[in-house]
Amino acid sequence: AGGLLLEAGASHSSLVGVPAGNPAAFGAGLQRVSAGSPSDSFLWRKLTGELGPGEGERMPGNAARLPRYLLDLVEEWIVAGAPETGWVGAARERD
């Protein structure tokens, strides 16, 4: 949806540093993923439900929130600069 390609080898460039496609989020200067800044990352806002007017609904829609440990991993990835490869934070400890 929204021109977002999540296939291996393409998802990073479709997410990181790309302006949000939602008009309200775009107007607020959000990126799909702003490396280093969860608060400026539309993906993070969608996952946590921290949305402004016109920014849509929390993801995943019609389903339970993601478990806290998955949200923590996404947040750690963004804070770590949203690297394209490798492991960050708690994910590194599970390897």
PDB file of N, CA and C in Angstrom:
ATOM      1  N   ALA A   1       0.841  -1.194   0.000  1.00  0.00           N
ATOM      2  CA  ALA A   1       0.000   0.000   0.000  1.00  0.00           C
ATOM      3  C   ALA A   1       0.876   1.244   0.000  1.00  0.00           C
ATOM      4  N   GLY A   2       0.423   2.273  -0.640  1.00  0.00           N
ATOM      5  CA  GLY A   2       1.141   3.543  -0.617  1.00  0.00           C
ATOM      6  C   GLY A   2       2.507   3.508  -1.248  1.00  0.00           C
ATOM      7  N   GLY A   3       2.753   2.573  -2.170  1.00  0.00           N
ATOM      8  CA  GLY A   3       4.041   2.514  -2.845  1.00  0.00           C
ATOM      9  C   GLY A   3       5.156   1.975  -1.970  1.00  0.00           C
ATOM     10  N   LEU A   4       4.801   1.240  -0.930  1.00  0.00           N
ATOM     11  CA  LEU A   4       5.789   0.688  -0.020  1.00  0.00           C
ATOM     12  C   LEU A   4       6.119  -0.737  -0.429  1.00  0.00           C
ATOM     13  N   LEU A   5       7.368  -0.964  -0.801  1.00  0.00           N
ATOM     14  CA  LEU A   5       7.838  -2.277  -1.230  1.00  0.00           C
ATOM     15  C   LEU A   5       8.618  -2.913  -0.086  1.00  0.00           C
ATOM     16  N   LEU A   6       8.134  -4.044   0.417  1.00  0.00           N
ATOM     17  CA  LEU A   6       8.766  -4.690   1.572  1.00  0.00           C
ATOM     18  C   LEU A   6       9.474  -5.987   1.220  1.00  0.00           C
ATOM     19  N   GLU A   7       9.903  -6.117  -0.009  1.00  0.00           N
ATOM     20  CA  GLU A   7      10.665  -7.293  -0.419  1.00  0.00           C
ATOM     21  C   GLU A   7      12.115  -7.156   0.017  1.00  0.00           C
ATOM     22  N   ALA A   8      12.760  -8.297   0.231  1.00  0.00           N
ATOM     23  CA  ALA A   8      14.171  -8.291   0.597  1.00  0.00           C
ATOM     24  C   ALA A   8      14.965  -7.503  -0.443  1.00  0.00           C
ATOM     25  N   GLY A   9      15.866  -6.669   0.024  1.00  0.00           N
ATOM     26  CA  GLY A   9      16.693  -5.870  -0.873  1.00  0.00           C
ATOM     27  C   GLY A   9      16.065  -4.556  -1.290  1.00  0.00           C
ATOM     28  N   ALA A  10      14.776  -4.361  -0.987  1.00  0.00           N
ATOM     29  CA  ALA A  10      14.109  -3.122  -1.379  1.00  0.00           C
ATOM     30  C   ALA A  10      13.434  -2.420  -0.211  1.00  0.00           C
ATOM     31  N   SER A  11      13.177  -3.135   0.867  1.00  0.00           N
ATOM     32  CA  SER A  11      12.398  -2.547   1.956  1.00  0.00           C
ATOM     33  C   SER A  11      13.104  -1.381   2.631  1.00  0.00           C
ATOM     34  N   HIS A  12      14.405  -1.485   2.840  1.00  0.00           N
ATOM     35  CA  HIS A  12      15.129  -0.416   3.525  1.00  0.00           C
ATOM     36  C   HIS A  12      15.014   0.893   2.752  1.00  0.00           C
ATOM     37  N   SER A  13      15.252   0.853   1.464  1.00  0.00           N
ATOM     38  CA  SER A  13      15.196   2.083   0.665  1.00  0.00           C
ATOM     39  C   SER A  13      13.763   2.579   0.479  1.00  0.00           C
ATOM     40  N   SER A  14      12.772   1.722   0.744  1.00  0.00           N
ATOM     41  CA  SER A  14      11.371   2.142   0.676  1.00  0.00           C
ATOM     42  C   SER A  14      10.906   2.765   1.988  1.00  0.00           C
ATOM     43  N   LEU A  15      11.682   2.566   3.048  1.00  0.00           N
ATOM     44  CA  LEU A  15      11.287   3.034   4.372  1.00  0.00           C
ATOM     45  C   LEU A  15      12.133   4.186   4.904  1.00  0.00           C
ATOM     46  N   VAL A  16      13.422   4.013   4.933  1.00  0.00           N
ATOM     47  CA  VAL A  16      14.311   4.923   5.651  1.00  0.00           C
ATOM     48  C   VAL A  16      14.617   6.177   4.837  1.00  0.00           C
ATOM     49  N   GLY A  17      14.337   7.310   5.450  1.00  0.00           N
ATOM     50  CA  GLY A  17      14.607   8.599   4.812  1.00  0.00           C
ATOM     51  C   GLY A  17      13.616   8.981   3.737  1.00  0.00           C
ATOM     52  N   VAL A  18      12.499   8.266   3.644  1.00  0.00           N
ATOM     53  CA  VAL A  18      11.476   8.524   2.631  1.00  0.00           C
ATOM     54  C   VAL A  18      10.338   9.299   3.287  1.00  0.00           C
ATOM     55  N   PRO A  19       9.903  10.400   2.688  1.00  0.00           N
ATOM     56  CA  PRO A  19       8.789  11.151   3.269  1.00  0.00           C
ATOM     57  C   PRO A  19       7.543  10.277   3.401  1.00  0.00           C
ATOM     58  N   ALA A  20       6.801  10.500   4.468  1.00  0.00           N
ATOM     59  CA  ALA A  20       5.552   9.770   4.688  1.00  0.00           C
ATOM     60  C   ALA A  20       4.583  10.052   3.542  1.00  0.00           C
ATOM     61  N   GLY A  21       3.849   9.030   3.137  1.00  0.00           N
ATOM     62  CA  GLY A  21       2.891   9.179   2.051  1.00  0.00           C
ATOM     63  C   GLY A  21       1.565   9.773   2.497  1.00  0.00           C
ATOM     64  N   ASN A  22       1.240   9.656   3.765  1.00  0.00           N
ATOM     65  CA  ASN A  22       0.015  10.228   4.301  1.00  0.00           C
ATOM     66  C   ASN A  22       0.129  11.751   4.243  1.00  0.00           C
ATOM     67  N   PRO A  23      -0.860  12.450   3.675  1.00  0.00           N
ATOM     68  CA  PRO A  23      -0.748  13.899   3.534  1.00  0.00           C
ATOM     69  C   PRO A  23      -0.539  14.650   4.850  1.00  0.00           C
ATOM     70  N   ALA A  24      -1.226  14.258   5.903  1.00  0.00           N
ATOM     71  CA  ALA A  24      -1.068  14.944   7.190  1.00  0.00           C
ATOM     72  C   ALA A  24       0.325  14.696   7.765  1.00  0.00           C
ATOM     73  N   ALA A  25       0.806  13.456   7.686  1.00  0.00           N
ATOM     74  CA  ALA A  25       2.143  13.128   8.186  1.00  0.00           C
ATOM     75  C   ALA A  25       3.214  13.815   7.344  1.00  0.00           C
ATOM     76  N   PHE A  26       3.004  13.856   6.039  1.00  0.00           N
ATOM     77  CA  PHE A  26       3.937  14.546   5.145  1.00  0.00           C
ATOM     78  C   PHE A  26       3.994  16.024   5.516  1.00  0.00           C
ATOM     79  N   GLY A  27       2.831  16.619   5.743  1.00  0.00           N
ATOM     80  CA  GLY A  27       2.762  18.029   6.124  1.00  0.00           C
ATOM     81  C   GLY A  27       3.443  18.321   7.449  1.00  0.00           C
ATOM     82  N   ALA A  28       3.479  17.314   8.325  1.00  0.00           N
ATOM     83  CA  ALA A  28       4.145  17.462   9.619  1.00  0.00           C
ATOM     84  C   ALA A  28       5.644  17.201   9.514  1.00  0.00           C
ATOM     85  N   GLY A  29       6.121  16.881   8.298  1.00  0.00           N
ATOM     86  CA  GLY A  29       7.546  16.657   8.084  1.00  0.00           C
ATOM     87  C   GLY A  29       8.036  15.280   8.486  1.00  0.00           C
ATOM     88  N   LEU A  30       7.112  14.321   8.640  1.00  0.00           N
ATOM     89  CA  LEU A  30       7.512  12.977   9.042  1.00  0.00           C
ATOM     90  C   LEU A  30       8.066  12.186   7.870  1.00  0.00           C
ATOM     91  N   GLN A  31       8.961  11.276   8.179  1.00  0.00           N
ATOM     92  CA  GLN A  31       9.456  10.305   7.218  1.00  0.00           C
ATOM     93  C   GLN A  31       8.846   8.956   7.578  1.00  0.00           C
ATOM     94  N   ARG A  32       8.825   8.038   6.631  1.00  0.00           N
ATOM     95  CA  ARG A  32       8.351   6.693   6.958  1.00  0.00           C
ATOM     96  C   ARG A  32       9.153   6.172   8.136  1.00  0.00           C
ATOM     97  N   VAL A  33      10.476   6.217   8.029  1.00  0.00           N
ATOM     98  CA  VAL A  33      11.389   5.940   9.139  1.00  0.00           C
ATOM     99  C   VAL A  33      12.465   7.005   9.105  1.00  0.00           C
ATOM    100  N   SER A  34      12.565   7.754  10.191  1.00  0.00           N
ATOM    101  CA  SER A  34      13.599   8.771  10.331  1.00  0.00           C
ATOM    102  C   SER A  34      14.717   8.165  11.177  1.00  0.00           C
ATOM    103  N   ALA A  35      15.815   7.784  10.535  1.00  0.00           N
ATOM    104  CA  ALA A  35      16.919   7.109  11.229  1.00  0.00           C
ATOM    105  C   ALA A  35      17.343   7.910  12.456  1.00  0.00           C
ATOM    106  N   GLY A  36      17.290   7.253  13.608  1.00  0.00           N
ATOM    107  CA  GLY A  36      17.696   7.877  14.852  1.00  0.00           C
ATOM    108  C   GLY A  36      16.564   8.525  15.630  1.00  0.00           C
ATOM    109  N   SER A  37      15.394   8.679  15.027  1.00  0.00           N
ATOM    110  CA  SER A  37      14.314   9.425  15.684  1.00  0.00           C
ATOM    111  C   SER A  37      12.953   8.738  15.566  1.00  0.00           C
ATOM    112  N   PRO A  38      12.593   7.926  16.557  1.00  0.00           N
ATOM    113  CA  PRO A  38      11.258   7.315  16.515  1.00  0.00           C
ATOM    114  C   PRO A  38      10.134   8.353  16.433  1.00  0.00           C
ATOM    115  N   SER A  39      10.267   9.464  17.135  1.00  0.00           N
ATOM    116  CA  SER A  39       9.187  10.458  17.151  1.00  0.00           C
ATOM    117  C   SER A  39       8.953  11.104  15.790  1.00  0.00           C
ATOM    118  N   ASP A  40       9.950  11.076  14.911  1.00  0.00           N
ATOM    119  CA  ASP A  40       9.801  11.620  13.556  1.00  0.00           C
ATOM    120  C   ASP A  40       9.543  10.533  12.515  1.00  0.00           C
ATOM    121  N   SER A  41       9.305   9.309  12.995  1.00  0.00           N
ATOM    122  CA  SER A  41       9.089   8.157  12.117  1.00  0.00           C
ATOM    123  C   SER A  41       7.605   7.793  12.094  1.00  0.00           C
ATOM    124  N   PHE A  42       6.997   7.933  10.928  1.00  0.00           N
ATOM    125  CA  PHE A  42       5.579   7.626  10.789  1.00  0.00           C
ATOM    126  C   PHE A  42       5.298   6.161  11.114  1.00  0.00           C
ATOM    127  N   LEU A  43       6.195   5.261  10.755  1.00  0.00           N
ATOM    128  CA  LEU A  43       6.021   3.847  11.081  1.00  0.00           C
ATOM    129  C   LEU A  43       5.871   3.670  12.591  1.00  0.00           C
ATOM    130  N   TRP A  44       6.741   4.291  13.355  1.00  0.00           N
ATOM    131  CA  TRP A  44       6.690   4.182  14.810  1.00  0.00           C
ATOM    132  C   TRP A  44       5.367   4.716  15.348  1.00  0.00           C
ATOM    133  N   ARG A  45       4.952   5.848  14.847  1.00  0.00           N
ATOM    134  CA  ARG A  45       3.688   6.438  15.287  1.00  0.00           C
ATOM    135  C   ARG A  45       2.506   5.530  14.958  1.00  0.00           C
ATOM    136  N   LYS A  46       2.560   4.903  13.787  1.00  0.00           N
ATOM    137  CA  LYS A  46       1.484   3.994  13.399  1.00  0.00           C
ATOM    138  C   LYS A  46       1.459   2.764  14.313  1.00  0.00           C
ATOM    139  N   LEU A  47       2.612   2.245  14.662  1.00  0.00           N
ATOM    140  CA  LEU A  47       2.675   1.057  15.513  1.00  0.00           C
ATOM    141  C   LEU A  47       2.259   1.351  16.950  1.00  0.00           C
ATOM    142  N   THR A  48       2.531   2.544  17.432  1.00  0.00           N
ATOM    143  CA  THR A  48       2.224   2.882  18.822  1.00  0.00           C
ATOM    144  C   THR A  48       0.892   3.608  18.977  1.00  0.00           C
ATOM    145  N   GLY A  49       0.320   4.064  17.879  1.00  0.00           N
ATOM    146  CA  GLY A  49      -0.944   4.791  17.950  1.00  0.00           C
ATOM    147  C   GLY A  49      -0.779   6.250  18.311  1.00  0.00           C
ATOM    148  N   GLU A  50       0.446   6.758  18.290  1.00  0.00           N
ATOM    149  CA  GLU A  50       0.730   8.158  18.613  1.00  0.00           C
ATOM    150  C   GLU A  50       0.560   9.003  17.356  1.00  0.00           C
ATOM    151  N   LEU A  51      -0.688   9.136  16.916  1.00  0.00           N
ATOM    152  CA  LEU A  51      -0.985   9.765  15.625  1.00  0.00           C
ATOM    153  C   LEU A  51      -1.664  11.117  15.799  1.00  0.00           C
ATOM    154  N   GLY A  52      -1.315  12.019  14.899  1.00  0.00           N
ATOM    155  CA  GLY A  52      -1.958  13.316  14.874  1.00  0.00           C
ATOM    156  C   GLY A  52      -3.225  13.274  14.030  1.00  0.00           C
ATOM    157  N   PRO A  53      -3.957  14.375  14.013  1.00  0.00           N
ATOM    158  CA  PRO A  53      -5.170  14.439  13.196  1.00  0.00           C
ATOM    159  C   PRO A  53      -4.870  14.134  11.728  1.00  0.00           C
ATOM    160  N   GLY A  54      -5.685  13.279  11.137  1.00  0.00           N
ATOM    161  CA  GLY A  54      -5.537  12.952   9.729  1.00  0.00           C
ATOM    162  C   GLY A  54      -4.460  11.932   9.413  1.00  0.00           C
ATOM    163  N   GLU A  55      -3.780  11.410  10.447  1.00  0.00           N
ATOM    164  CA  GLU A  55      -2.690  10.460  10.205  1.00  0.00           C
ATOM    165  C   GLU A  55      -3.146   8.999  10.218  1.00  0.00           C
ATOM    166  N   GLY A  56      -4.437   8.774  10.237  1.00  0.00           N
ATOM    167  CA  GLY A  56      -4.959   7.423  10.113  1.00  0.00           C
ATOM    168  C   GLY A  56      -5.055   6.687  11.423  1.00  0.00           C
ATOM    169  N   GLU A  57      -5.059   5.356  11.308  1.00  0.00           N
ATOM    170  CA  GLU A  57      -5.257   4.468  12.455  1.00  0.00           C
ATOM    171  C   GLU A  57      -3.978   3.731  12.812  1.00  0.00           C
ATOM    172  N   ARG A  58      -3.937   3.241  14.039  1.00  0.00           N
ATOM    173  CA  ARG A  58      -2.820   2.436  14.518  1.00  0.00           C
ATOM    174  C   ARG A  58      -2.716   1.152  13.684  1.00  0.00           C
ATOM    175  N   MET A  59      -1.492   0.664  13.538  1.00  0.00           N
ATOM    176  CA  MET A  59      -1.243  -0.608  12.866  1.00  0.00           C
ATOM    177  C   MET A  59      -0.853  -1.642  13.923  1.00  0.00           C
ATOM    178  N   PRO A  60      -1.139  -2.877  13.710  1.00  0.00           N
ATOM    179  CA  PRO A  60      -1.954  -3.392  12.612  1.00  0.00           C
ATOM    180  C   PRO A  60      -3.431  -3.114  12.856  1.00  0.00           C
ATOM    181  N   GLY A  61      -4.129  -2.771  11.805  1.00  0.00           N
ATOM    182  CA  GLY A  61      -5.551  -2.493  11.911  1.00  0.00           C
ATOM    183  C   GLY A  61      -6.329  -3.769  12.193  1.00  0.00           C
ATOM    184  N   ASN A  62      -7.404  -3.633  12.899  1.00  0.00           N
ATOM    185  CA  ASN A  62      -8.280  -4.770  13.213  1.00  0.00           C
ATOM    186  C   ASN A  62      -7.545  -5.925  13.876  1.00  0.00           C
ATOM    187  N   ALA A  63      -6.503  -5.649  14.616  1.00  0.00           N
ATOM    188  CA  ALA A  63      -5.741  -6.692  15.311  1.00  0.00           C
ATOM    189  C   ALA A  63      -5.180  -6.114  16.603  1.00  0.00           C
ATOM    190  N   ALA A  64      -4.724  -6.995  17.457  1.00  0.00           N
ATOM    191  CA  ALA A  64      -4.122  -6.561  18.719  1.00  0.00           C
ATOM    192  C   ALA A  64      -2.831  -5.797  18.449  1.00  0.00           C
ATOM    193  N   ARG A  65      -2.490  -4.936  19.376  1.00  0.00           N
ATOM    194  CA  ARG A  65      -1.203  -4.238  19.287  1.00  0.00           C
ATOM    195  C   ARG A  65      -0.072  -5.257  19.239  1.00  0.00           C
ATOM    196  N   LEU A  66       1.026  -4.837  18.656  1.00  0.00           N
ATOM    197  CA  LEU A  66       2.211  -5.700  18.680  1.00  0.00           C
ATOM    198  C   LEU A  66       2.677  -5.854  20.122  1.00  0.00           C
ATOM    199  N   PRO A  67       3.240  -7.002  20.456  1.00  0.00           N
ATOM    200  CA  PRO A  67       3.774  -7.179  21.805  1.00  0.00           C
ATOM    201  C   PRO A  67       4.877  -6.156  22.085  1.00  0.00           C
ATOM    202  N   ARG A  68       5.030  -5.806  23.346  1.00  0.00           N
ATOM    203  CA  ARG A  68       6.007  -4.789  23.747  1.00  0.00           C
ATOM    204  C   ARG A  68       7.413  -5.125  23.254  1.00  0.00           C
ATOM    205  N   TYR A  69       7.810  -6.399  23.300  1.00  0.00           N
ATOM    206  CA  TYR A  69       9.172  -6.744  22.891  1.00  0.00           C
ATOM    207  C   TYR A  69       9.400  -6.450  21.406  1.00  0.00           C
ATOM    208  N   LEU A  70       8.376  -6.594  20.571  1.00  0.00           N
ATOM    209  CA  LEU A  70       8.533  -6.263  19.149  1.00  0.00           C
ATOM    210  C   LEU A  70       8.594  -4.746  18.957  1.00  0.00           C
ATOM    211  N   LEU A  71       7.775  -4.020  19.700  1.00  0.00           N
ATOM    212  CA  LEU A  71       7.857  -2.556  19.636  1.00  0.00           C
ATOM    213  C   LEU A  71       9.234  -2.081  20.091  1.00  0.00           C
ATOM    214  N   ASP A  72       9.755  -2.704  21.147  1.00  0.00           N
ATOM    215  CA  ASP A  72      11.095  -2.347  21.624  1.00  0.00           C
ATOM    216  C   ASP A  72      12.144  -2.586  20.543  1.00  0.00           C
ATOM    217  N   LEU A  73      12.036  -3.694  19.815  1.00  0.00           N
ATOM    218  CA  LEU A  73      13.006  -3.987  18.748  1.00  0.00           C
ATOM    219  C   LEU A  73      12.929  -2.961  17.627  1.00  0.00           C
ATOM    220  N   VAL A  74      11.713  -2.577  17.240  1.00  0.00           N
ATOM    221  CA  VAL A  74      11.554  -1.565  16.188  1.00  0.00           C
ATOM    222  C   VAL A  74      12.138  -0.235  16.657  1.00  0.00           C
ATOM    223  N   GLU A  75      11.846   0.128  17.903  1.00  0.00           N
ATOM    224  CA  GLU A  75      12.367   1.386  18.442  1.00  0.00           C
ATOM    225  C   GLU A  75      13.895   1.355  18.500  1.00  0.00           C
ATOM    226  N   GLU A  76      14.465   0.262  18.971  1.00  0.00           N
ATOM    227  CA  GLU A  76      15.927   0.136  19.033  1.00  0.00           C
ATOM    228  C   GLU A  76      16.550   0.233  17.646  1.00  0.00           C
ATOM    229  N   TRP A  77      15.899  -0.373  16.665  1.00  0.00           N
ATOM    230  CA  TRP A  77      16.403  -0.310  15.286  1.00  0.00           C
ATOM    231  C   TRP A  77      16.412   1.129  14.788  1.00  0.00           C
ATOM    232  N   ILE A  78      15.333   1.850  15.022  1.00  0.00           N
ATOM    233  CA  ILE A  78      15.267   3.246  14.573  1.00  0.00           C
ATOM    234  C   ILE A  78      16.318   4.085  15.293  1.00  0.00           C
ATOM    235  N   VAL A  79      16.400   3.953  16.628  1.00  0.00           N
ATOM    236  CA  VAL A  79      17.368   4.723  17.419  1.00  0.00           C
ATOM    237  C   VAL A  79      18.801   4.426  16.983  1.00  0.00           C
ATOM    238  N   ALA A  80      19.059   3.183  16.594  1.00  0.00           N
ATOM    239  CA  ALA A  80      20.406   2.785  16.153  1.00  0.00           C
ATOM    240  C   ALA A  80      20.729   3.294  14.750  1.00  0.00           C
ATOM    241  N   GLY A  81      19.840   4.075  14.167  1.00  0.00           N
ATOM    242  CA  GLY A  81      20.093   4.629  12.839  1.00  0.00           C
ATOM    243  C   GLY A  81      19.450   3.832  11.726  1.00  0.00           C
ATOM    244  N   ALA A  82      18.560   2.887  12.077  1.00  0.00           N
ATOM    245  CA  ALA A  82      17.849   2.060  11.091  1.00  0.00           C
ATOM    246  C   ALA A  82      18.808   1.405  10.099  1.00  0.00           C
ATOM    247  N   PRO A  83      19.785   0.646  10.617  1.00  0.00           N
ATOM    248  CA  PRO A  83      20.752   0.022   9.717  1.00  0.00           C
ATOM    249  C   PRO A  83      20.088  -0.960   8.750  1.00  0.00           C
ATOM    250  N   GLU A  84      20.661  -1.052   7.582  1.00  0.00           N
ATOM    251  CA  GLU A  84      20.112  -1.929   6.551  1.00  0.00           C
ATOM    252  C   GLU A  84      20.392  -3.398   6.839  1.00  0.00           C
ATOM    253  N   THR A  85      21.497  -3.675   7.499  1.00  0.00           N
ATOM    254  CA  THR A  85      21.859  -5.059   7.807  1.00  0.00           C
ATOM    255  C   THR A  85      22.336  -5.153   9.243  1.00  0.00           C
ATOM    256  N   GLY A  86      22.419  -6.361   9.734  1.00  0.00           N
ATOM    257  CA  GLY A  86      22.962  -6.602  11.069  1.00  0.00           C
ATOM    258  C   GLY A  86      21.879  -6.625  12.124  1.00  0.00           C
ATOM    259  N   TRP A  87      22.318  -6.616  13.373  1.00  0.00           N
ATOM    260  CA  TRP A  87      21.439  -6.712  14.520  1.00  0.00           C
ATOM    261  C   TRP A  87      21.643  -5.503  15.415  1.00  0.00           C
ATOM    262  N   VAL A  88      20.580  -5.126  16.124  1.00  0.00           N
ATOM    263  CA  VAL A  88      20.689  -4.035  17.097  1.00  0.00           C
ATOM    264  C   VAL A  88      20.077  -4.489  18.415  1.00  0.00           C
ATOM    265  N   GLY A  89      20.527  -3.877  19.506  1.00  0.00           N
ATOM    266  CA  GLY A  89      19.924  -4.065  20.821  1.00  0.00           C
ATOM    267  C   GLY A  89      19.644  -5.496  21.212  1.00  0.00           C
ATOM    268  N   ALA A  90      18.405  -5.713  21.698  1.00  0.00           N
ATOM    269  CA  ALA A  90      17.986  -7.014  22.212  1.00  0.00           C
ATOM    270  C   ALA A  90      18.036  -8.092  21.140  1.00  0.00           C
ATOM    271  N   ALA A  91      17.859  -7.723  19.889  1.00  0.00           N
ATOM    272  CA  ALA A  91      17.920  -8.717  18.814  1.00  0.00           C
ATOM    273  C   ALA A  91      19.324  -9.322  18.733  1.00  0.00           C
ATOM    274  N   ARG A  92      20.334  -8.518  18.988  1.00  0.00           N
ATOM    275  CA  ARG A  92      21.729  -8.998  18.959  1.00  0.00           C
ATOM    276  C   ARG A  92      21.914 -10.069  20.021  1.00  0.00           C
ATOM    277  N   GLU A  93      21.271  -9.878  21.204  1.00  0.00           N
ATOM    278  CA  GLU A  93      21.417 -10.812  22.303  1.00  0.00           C
ATOM    279  C   GLU A  93      20.744 -12.143  22.011  1.00  0.00           C
ATOM    280  N   ARG A  94      19.762 -12.167  21.120  1.00  0.00           N
ATOM    281  CA  ARG A  94      19.054 -13.404  20.795  1.00  0.00           C
ATOM    282  C   ARG A  94      19.785 -14.241  19.761  1.00  0.00           C
ATOM    283  N   ASP A  95      20.714 -13.645  19.060  1.00  0.00           N
ATOM    284  CA  ASP A  95      21.421 -14.338  17.979  1.00  0.00           C
ATOM    285  C   ASP A  95      22.324 -15.430  18.508  1.00  0.00           C
TER     286      ASP A  95
END
